[in-house]
Amino acid sequence: MLKVAVIGAGSIGRHHVRNYHEIPNVDLVGVSDVNEAQAAQVAGAFGNTPHFADFESMLTEVKPDLVSICVPTQNHYEVAKIVISHGINLLIEKPISETVEQARDLIALAENAGVKLTVGHIERFNPAVIELKKHLDEKRLGKVFRIQARRMGPFPARIRDVGVVIDLATHDLDMIRYVLDDEIVRLYAETAQGINTDREDIMDCVLRTSGNVIGMLNINWMTPTKIRELSIIGARGMYTVNYLTQDLYFYENDVIDDRWDTLGILTGVGEGNVTKFRLSRQEPLRAELEHFISAVQNNNTPLVTGEDGLKALMLANALVQSGIDRKVAHFDA
C-alpha cells in the first residue's frame, strides 16, 4: 500500500485529497499548506488526516511514497526540488514550473534520483478524449486537416500568478500534441487584457503542426458561460469532444451524387450521419491519480511525462511572447 500526501490545500489540492481518501489500497498520510487552518480543514474533512503547515516536516515525519504538488505555479520548482531530494515520486499540477529552465532541471533531478515525475494534464484522462484518441490512432478519420479548441469561461478568482495562456491554453497545447501524435512547428497569437492588469485574459491563436494540420485556439476568461470543446476535421468527417459532459460525437461526411452533369458544380462534402458514442463517465482526476499510483507501483512510465509538461510550457510561453511581439514563433519538429 502506497503512502500518499498532498502539498497545497487550495481548491485543486482539496480534490486531490478527496480522491486519495476514496481510492482503495493507498494510505493518505498527510496534507500540508502554509495556511495551517486551511490544511486542518481539508485534512479533517477526509478521514482526519494529519495536517502540517510545513511540507518538509510532513515529508520527514510521514515519509510518503508519492505526493501531489498543488501549490501556486511560482512555487512549483522549489517545492518539487525538495520533494525529489527526499526520493519521493511526484505529480505536479500543470504547468510543470514557471520557466523552461526550471522544468528541464526538475526532469533531470527526478531522473537522477530515480523517482517518477508526472504533470497534471488532466484532459488526457477524460473518457471522451480516450475514445477520440483510439479512433484517431485507428485512422478512422482519414487525413486530418484542422483541429480547434475552445476553452472559455468567467474569470477564476483563485488565479493570481499566471495569465489565461499558462492556466488554460496549456491543456489544449498538450491535447493537440497528444491526440494527433504530432508536434507544433509554428504559431501566432493575438492577446488582450480585460481583467488582469499585467497578464492576458484573452488569446486567439493559429498554428500548424509538422503533419500540416492547421490549429485554432480560442481561450479566454471573459465568457460568462463555461465552454470546453475540441473539434477535429478530417477526410471522413469531424469529431467533437465536450470535455464538460464527456461526450464524443462523429459527424460523417457524405459525398453528393454527381451523376447529373448539371449538379457537377455541387459535388463535394455534404452532411452525413451523426454518431454519439456511448461512454462510461468518470472523474478525470480520479483516473489520473489511479494511473500514476499504478505507474509507481508497477515501475511504468506515466502517460504524461516531464517532457510533455516541458513542451506544453514551452509552447505556452511562446504564445504569450507572440501576443506581446506580434510575431510568429517557429519550432523544430
Protein backbone atom coordinates (compact mmCIF):
# COMPACT_ATOMS: atom_id res chain seq x y z
CA MET A 1 0.00 0.00 0.00
CA LEU A 2 1.48 3.34 -1.08
CA LYS A 3 1.58 6.24 1.33
CA VAL A 4 0.40 9.43 -0.38
CA ALA A 5 0.28 13.09 0.62
CA VAL A 6 -0.79 16.46 -0.80
CA ILE A 7 1.14 19.72 -0.69
CA GLY A 8 -1.24 22.65 -1.09
CA ALA A 9 -4.81 22.53 0.25
CA GLY A 10 -6.46 25.08 -2.03
CA SER A 11 -9.26 24.43 -4.49
CA ILE A 12 -7.25 21.93 -6.56
CA GLY A 13 -5.44 20.34 -3.64
CA ARG A 14 -8.73 19.65 -1.89
CA HIS A 15 -9.84 17.48 -4.81
CA HIS A 16 -6.57 15.56 -4.71
CA VAL A 17 -7.10 14.92 -1.00
CA ARG A 18 -10.68 13.78 -1.59
CA ASN A 19 -9.69 11.35 -4.32
CA TYR A 20 -6.76 9.88 -2.43
CA HIS A 21 -9.10 9.39 0.53
CA GLU A 22 -11.53 7.47 -1.71
CA ILE A 23 -9.03 5.40 -3.72
CA PRO A 24 -8.58 1.93 -2.22
CA ASN A 25 -5.16 0.47 -1.43
CA VAL A 26 -3.45 3.80 -0.76
CA ASP A 27 -2.89 5.44 2.61
CA LEU A 28 -3.41 9.22 2.77
CA VAL A 29 -0.84 10.18 5.39
CA GLY A 30 -0.62 13.95 5.22
CA VAL A 31 -1.92 17.30 3.95
CA SER A 32 0.17 20.47 4.13
CA ASP A 33 -0.47 24.13 3.43
CA VAL A 34 1.21 27.34 4.55
CA ASN A 35 -2.25 28.28 5.82
CA GLU A 36 -2.41 25.72 8.63
CA ALA A 37 -6.09 26.35 9.28
CA GLN A 38 -6.82 25.52 5.64
CA ALA A 39 -4.70 22.36 5.87
CA ALA A 40 -6.54 21.34 9.05
CA GLN A 41 -9.96 21.96 7.50
CA VAL A 42 -9.25 19.92 4.37
CA ALA A 43 -7.45 17.12 6.22
CA GLY A 44 -10.25 16.90 8.78
CA ALA A 45 -12.91 16.66 6.10
CA PHE A 46 -11.36 13.47 4.74
CA GLY A 47 -10.54 10.96 7.43
CA ASN A 48 -8.90 13.24 9.98
CA THR A 49 -5.65 13.01 8.07
CA PRO A 50 -2.58 14.54 9.78
CA HIS A 51 -2.02 18.14 8.68
CA PHE A 52 1.08 20.32 8.54
CA ALA A 53 1.96 23.96 7.93
CA ASP A 54 5.45 22.99 6.76
CA PHE A 55 5.56 20.44 3.93
CA GLU A 56 9.19 19.50 4.65
CA SER A 57 8.21 18.47 8.17
CA MET A 58 5.44 16.36 6.65
CA LEU A 59 7.85 14.62 4.27
CA THR A 60 10.25 13.84 7.11
CA GLU A 61 7.61 12.71 9.57
CA VAL A 62 5.19 10.60 7.48
CA LYS A 63 7.58 9.61 4.64
CA PRO A 64 5.09 9.37 1.73
CA ASP A 65 5.88 7.33 -1.37
CA LEU A 66 4.04 9.78 -3.64
CA VAL A 67 2.87 13.38 -3.35
CA SER A 68 0.71 15.76 -5.33
CA ILE A 69 2.08 19.30 -5.58
CA CYS A 70 -0.87 21.70 -5.75
CA VAL A 71 0.77 24.98 -4.78
CA PRO A 72 0.80 28.17 -6.93
CA THR A 73 2.87 27.90 -10.12
CA GLN A 74 5.55 30.25 -8.80
CA ASN A 75 6.31 27.73 -6.03
CA HIS A 76 6.36 24.56 -8.15
CA TYR A 77 10.10 24.50 -8.71
CA GLU A 78 11.30 24.99 -5.15
CA VAL A 79 8.75 22.58 -3.69
CA ALA A 80 9.37 19.92 -6.33
CA LYS A 81 13.15 20.12 -5.86
CA ILE A 82 12.79 19.37 -2.16
CA VAL A 83 10.34 16.52 -2.78
CA ILE A 84 12.75 14.95 -5.27
CA SER A 85 15.64 15.34 -2.80
CA HIS A 86 13.64 13.14 -0.40
CA GLY A 87 13.37 10.44 -3.10
CA ILE A 88 9.59 10.80 -3.39
CA ASN A 89 7.56 10.30 -6.59
CA LEU A 90 5.63 13.42 -7.53
CA LEU A 91 2.68 14.71 -9.52
CA ILE A 92 2.95 18.43 -10.25
CA GLU A 93 -0.23 20.22 -11.20
CA LYS A 94 0.24 21.93 -14.56
CA PRO A 95 2.18 23.87 -15.58
CA ILE A 96 5.26 21.95 -14.55
CA SER A 97 7.04 25.16 -13.49
CA GLU A 98 7.34 28.87 -14.21
CA THR A 99 10.20 28.60 -16.68
CA VAL A 100 11.52 26.15 -19.25
CA GLU A 101 14.89 26.11 -17.46
CA GLN A 102 13.22 25.08 -14.20
CA ALA A 103 11.29 22.34 -15.98
CA ARG A 104 14.43 20.90 -17.53
CA ASP A 105 16.14 20.94 -14.15
CA LEU A 106 13.27 19.11 -12.45
CA ILE A 107 13.24 16.44 -15.16
CA ALA A 108 16.98 15.88 -14.75
CA LEU A 109 16.76 15.85 -10.94
CA ALA A 110 13.93 13.31 -10.98
CA GLU A 111 15.78 11.05 -13.40
CA ASN A 112 18.97 11.19 -11.35
CA ALA A 113 17.04 10.48 -8.14
CA GLY A 114 15.17 7.57 -9.72
CA VAL A 115 11.74 8.97 -8.91
CA LYS A 116 8.74 9.22 -11.20
CA LEU A 117 7.55 12.66 -12.25
CA THR A 118 4.24 13.39 -13.93
CA VAL A 119 2.37 16.62 -14.68
CA GLY A 120 -1.36 17.17 -14.19
CA HIS A 121 -2.51 17.44 -17.80
CA ILE A 122 -5.83 16.01 -16.76
CA GLU A 123 -7.68 16.15 -20.09
CA ARG A 124 -5.80 13.04 -21.27
CA PHE A 125 -7.89 11.09 -18.75
CA ASN A 126 -11.29 12.36 -19.92
CA PRO A 127 -13.29 9.37 -21.28
CA ALA A 128 -14.22 11.31 -24.43
CA VAL A 129 -10.55 12.04 -25.15
CA ILE A 130 -9.57 8.42 -24.51
CA GLU A 131 -12.16 7.29 -27.07
CA LEU A 132 -11.18 10.01 -29.55
CA LYS A 133 -7.52 9.05 -29.29
CA LYS A 134 -8.40 5.44 -30.05
CA HIS A 135 -10.34 6.42 -33.18
CA LEU A 136 -7.58 8.70 -34.44
CA ASP A 137 -4.90 6.06 -33.83
CA GLU A 138 -7.02 3.64 -35.88
CA LYS A 139 -7.16 6.23 -38.72
CA ARG A 140 -10.97 6.29 -38.73
CA LEU A 141 -10.99 9.99 -39.65
CA GLY A 142 -8.58 9.61 -42.54
CA LYS A 143 -6.25 12.53 -43.22
CA VAL A 144 -6.63 15.25 -40.59
CA PHE A 145 -6.90 18.83 -41.84
CA ARG A 146 -7.85 21.02 -38.89
CA ILE A 147 -8.11 20.99 -35.08
CA GLN A 148 -9.84 23.63 -32.99
CA ALA A 149 -10.03 24.09 -29.23
CA ARG A 150 -12.40 26.40 -27.39
CA ARG A 151 -11.74 26.88 -23.67
CA MET A 152 -13.67 29.81 -22.26
CA GLY A 153 -15.38 30.88 -19.10
CA PRO A 154 -15.65 33.50 -16.33
CA PHE A 155 -12.55 34.81 -14.57
CA PRO A 156 -11.44 32.44 -11.78
CA ALA A 157 -10.83 34.49 -8.64
CA ARG A 158 -8.32 31.90 -7.39
CA ILE A 159 -5.85 32.67 -10.22
CA ARG A 160 -3.32 35.40 -9.43
CA ASP A 161 0.10 34.31 -10.64
CA VAL A 162 -0.44 33.46 -14.32
CA GLY A 163 -2.46 34.62 -17.31
CA VAL A 164 -5.05 32.69 -19.27
CA VAL A 165 -2.48 31.12 -21.61
CA ILE A 166 -0.50 29.38 -18.88
CA ASP A 167 -3.61 28.47 -16.89
CA LEU A 168 -5.86 27.22 -19.71
CA ALA A 169 -4.09 27.02 -23.08
CA THR A 170 -1.54 24.53 -21.71
CA HIS A 171 -4.36 21.97 -21.65
CA ASP A 172 -5.08 22.38 -25.35
CA LEU A 173 -1.46 22.57 -26.45
CA ASP A 174 -0.96 19.22 -24.75
CA MET A 175 -4.14 17.86 -26.32
CA ILE A 176 -3.02 18.78 -29.84
CA ARG A 177 0.30 17.01 -29.37
CA TYR A 178 -1.34 14.00 -27.72
CA VAL A 179 -4.36 13.21 -29.86
CA LEU A 180 -2.61 13.95 -33.16
CA ASP A 181 0.69 12.37 -32.11
CA ASP A 182 2.26 15.37 -33.82
CA GLU A 183 4.36 18.40 -32.94
CA ILE A 184 3.51 22.09 -33.33
CA VAL A 185 6.03 23.81 -35.59
CA ARG A 186 4.55 27.29 -35.99
CA LEU A 187 2.15 29.51 -34.05
CA TYR A 188 0.90 33.07 -33.86
CA ALA A 189 -1.21 34.59 -31.09
CA GLU A 190 -3.29 37.70 -30.53
CA THR A 191 -3.83 38.55 -26.86
CA ALA A 192 -5.67 41.21 -24.86
CA GLN A 193 -6.18 42.22 -21.23
CA GLY A 194 -9.60 42.91 -19.83
CA ILE A 195 -9.45 41.96 -16.14
CA ASN A 196 -5.83 41.40 -15.20
CA THR A 197 -3.60 44.45 -15.17
CA ASP A 198 -0.38 42.73 -16.19
CA ARG A 199 -1.35 39.46 -17.91
CA GLU A 200 -3.52 38.37 -20.81
CA ASP A 201 -7.19 37.37 -20.32
CA ILE A 202 -7.96 36.61 -23.98
CA MET A 203 -5.91 34.67 -26.50
CA ASP A 204 -6.68 33.54 -30.04
CA CYS A 205 -4.07 31.53 -31.87
CA VAL A 206 -3.48 29.96 -35.26
CA LEU A 207 -0.88 27.22 -35.57
CA ARG A 208 0.43 24.46 -37.80
CA THR A 209 1.83 21.02 -36.97
CA SER A 210 4.62 19.08 -38.65
CA GLY A 211 1.89 16.97 -40.29
CA ASN A 212 0.40 20.12 -41.86
CA VAL A 213 -2.67 20.20 -39.61
CA ILE A 214 -3.98 23.74 -39.07
CA GLY A 215 -4.94 24.53 -35.49
CA MET A 216 -7.05 27.22 -33.85
CA LEU A 217 -7.16 28.02 -30.13
CA ASN A 218 -9.83 30.31 -28.68
CA ILE A 219 -9.06 30.84 -24.99
CA ASN A 220 -10.38 33.43 -22.55
CA TRP A 221 -11.56 34.34 -19.06
CA MET A 222 -14.18 36.76 -20.41
CA THR A 223 -17.04 34.46 -21.48
CA PRO A 224 -19.87 34.32 -18.93
CA THR A 225 -20.54 30.63 -19.61
CA LYS A 226 -18.04 27.78 -19.35
CA ILE A 227 -17.09 26.15 -22.67
CA ARG A 228 -14.63 23.28 -23.08
CA GLU A 229 -14.64 21.80 -26.60
CA LEU A 230 -12.31 20.21 -29.11
CA SER A 231 -13.12 19.50 -32.76
CA ILE A 232 -11.08 17.76 -35.44
CA ILE A 233 -11.89 17.86 -39.15
CA GLY A 234 -10.62 15.13 -41.46
CA ALA A 235 -11.30 13.48 -44.80
CA ARG A 236 -14.19 11.41 -43.44
CA GLY A 237 -15.88 13.98 -41.24
CA MET A 238 -15.49 15.68 -37.87
CA TYR A 239 -15.09 14.56 -34.26
CA THR A 240 -16.24 16.87 -31.48
CA VAL A 241 -15.42 16.45 -27.80
CA ASN A 242 -17.29 18.19 -25.00
CA TYR A 243 -14.93 17.92 -22.04
CA LEU A 244 -17.55 19.04 -19.53
CA THR A 245 -20.23 16.48 -20.44
CA GLN A 246 -17.65 13.86 -21.52
CA ASP A 247 -19.44 13.41 -24.85
CA LEU A 248 -17.89 12.45 -28.18
CA TYR A 249 -19.68 12.97 -31.49
CA PHE A 250 -18.74 12.00 -35.03
CA TYR A 251 -20.25 13.95 -37.93
CA GLU A 252 -19.81 11.84 -41.04
CA ASN A 253 -19.06 13.29 -44.46
CA ASP A 254 -21.50 12.39 -47.25
CA VAL A 255 -20.38 12.87 -50.86
CA ILE A 256 -23.02 14.46 -53.10
CA ASP A 257 -24.08 12.23 -56.02
CA ASP A 258 -22.99 13.98 -59.25
CA ARG A 259 -24.49 11.63 -61.81
CA TRP A 260 -26.24 14.63 -63.39
CA ASP A 261 -23.81 16.92 -65.19
CA THR A 262 -25.81 19.96 -64.14
CA LEU A 263 -25.05 19.12 -60.48
CA GLY A 264 -21.34 18.64 -61.03
CA ILE A 265 -20.52 22.04 -59.61
CA LEU A 266 -22.09 20.97 -56.28
CA THR A 267 -20.01 17.85 -55.92
CA GLY A 268 -18.21 17.83 -52.60
CA VAL A 269 -18.82 17.29 -48.91
CA GLY A 270 -22.37 17.08 -47.62
CA GLU A 271 -23.96 16.18 -44.30
CA GLY A 272 -23.97 12.52 -43.37
CA ASN A 273 -24.87 10.53 -40.27
CA VAL A 274 -24.17 11.81 -36.77
CA THR A 275 -23.00 9.36 -34.09
CA LYS A 276 -22.88 9.98 -30.36
CA PHE A 277 -20.68 7.41 -28.69
CA ARG A 278 -21.80 5.69 -25.53
CA LEU A 279 -19.08 6.23 -22.93
CA SER A 280 -18.64 5.32 -19.28
CA ARG A 281 -18.17 8.61 -17.47
CA GLN A 282 -15.57 9.01 -14.76
CA GLU A 283 -13.82 11.80 -12.89
CA PRO A 284 -10.63 12.53 -14.88
CA LEU A 285 -8.69 13.48 -11.74
CA ARG A 286 -9.51 10.14 -10.13
CA ALA A 287 -8.36 8.34 -13.28
CA GLU A 288 -5.19 10.44 -13.41
CA LEU A 289 -4.26 9.68 -9.80
CA GLU A 290 -5.04 5.98 -10.16
CA HIS A 291 -2.86 5.86 -13.29
CA PHE A 292 0.09 7.48 -11.53
CA ILE A 293 -0.31 5.23 -8.48
CA SER A 294 -0.20 2.23 -10.81
CA ALA A 295 2.86 3.61 -12.63
CA VAL A 296 4.70 3.93 -9.31
CA GLN A 297 3.61 0.50 -8.06
CA ASN A 298 4.50 -1.27 -11.31
CA ASN A 299 7.51 0.85 -12.30
CA ASN A 300 5.87 2.03 -15.54
CA THR A 301 6.34 5.30 -17.40
CA PRO A 302 3.42 7.69 -16.67
CA LEU A 303 1.18 8.68 -19.57
CA VAL A 304 2.18 12.31 -19.02
CA THR A 305 5.94 12.66 -18.68
CA GLY A 306 8.02 15.58 -17.52
CA GLU A 307 8.96 16.15 -21.16
CA ASP A 308 5.26 16.51 -22.02
CA GLY A 309 4.94 19.15 -19.32
CA LEU A 310 8.05 20.89 -20.59
CA LYS A 311 6.76 21.05 -24.18
CA ALA A 312 3.37 22.40 -23.11
CA LEU A 313 5.08 25.12 -21.07
CA MET A 314 7.48 25.99 -23.88
CA LEU A 315 4.62 26.37 -26.35
CA ALA A 316 2.53 28.38 -23.88
CA ASN A 317 5.41 30.76 -23.22
CA ALA A 318 5.79 31.20 -26.97
CA LEU A 319 2.09 32.08 -27.23
CA VAL A 320 2.45 34.75 -24.55
CA GLN A 321 5.52 36.21 -26.26
CA SER A 322 3.89 36.08 -29.68
CA GLY A 323 0.98 38.08 -28.30
CA ILE A 324 3.39 40.70 -26.98
CA ASP A 325 5.70 40.87 -30.01
CA ARG A 326 3.06 40.26 -32.72
CA LYS A 327 5.45 37.79 -34.30
CA VAL A 328 5.18 34.18 -35.50
CA ALA A 329 7.08 31.62 -33.40
CA HIS A 330 8.78 28.68 -35.12
CA PHE A 331 9.83 25.33 -33.64
CA ASP A 332 11.70 22.26 -34.82
CA ALA A 333 9.51 19.17 -35.32
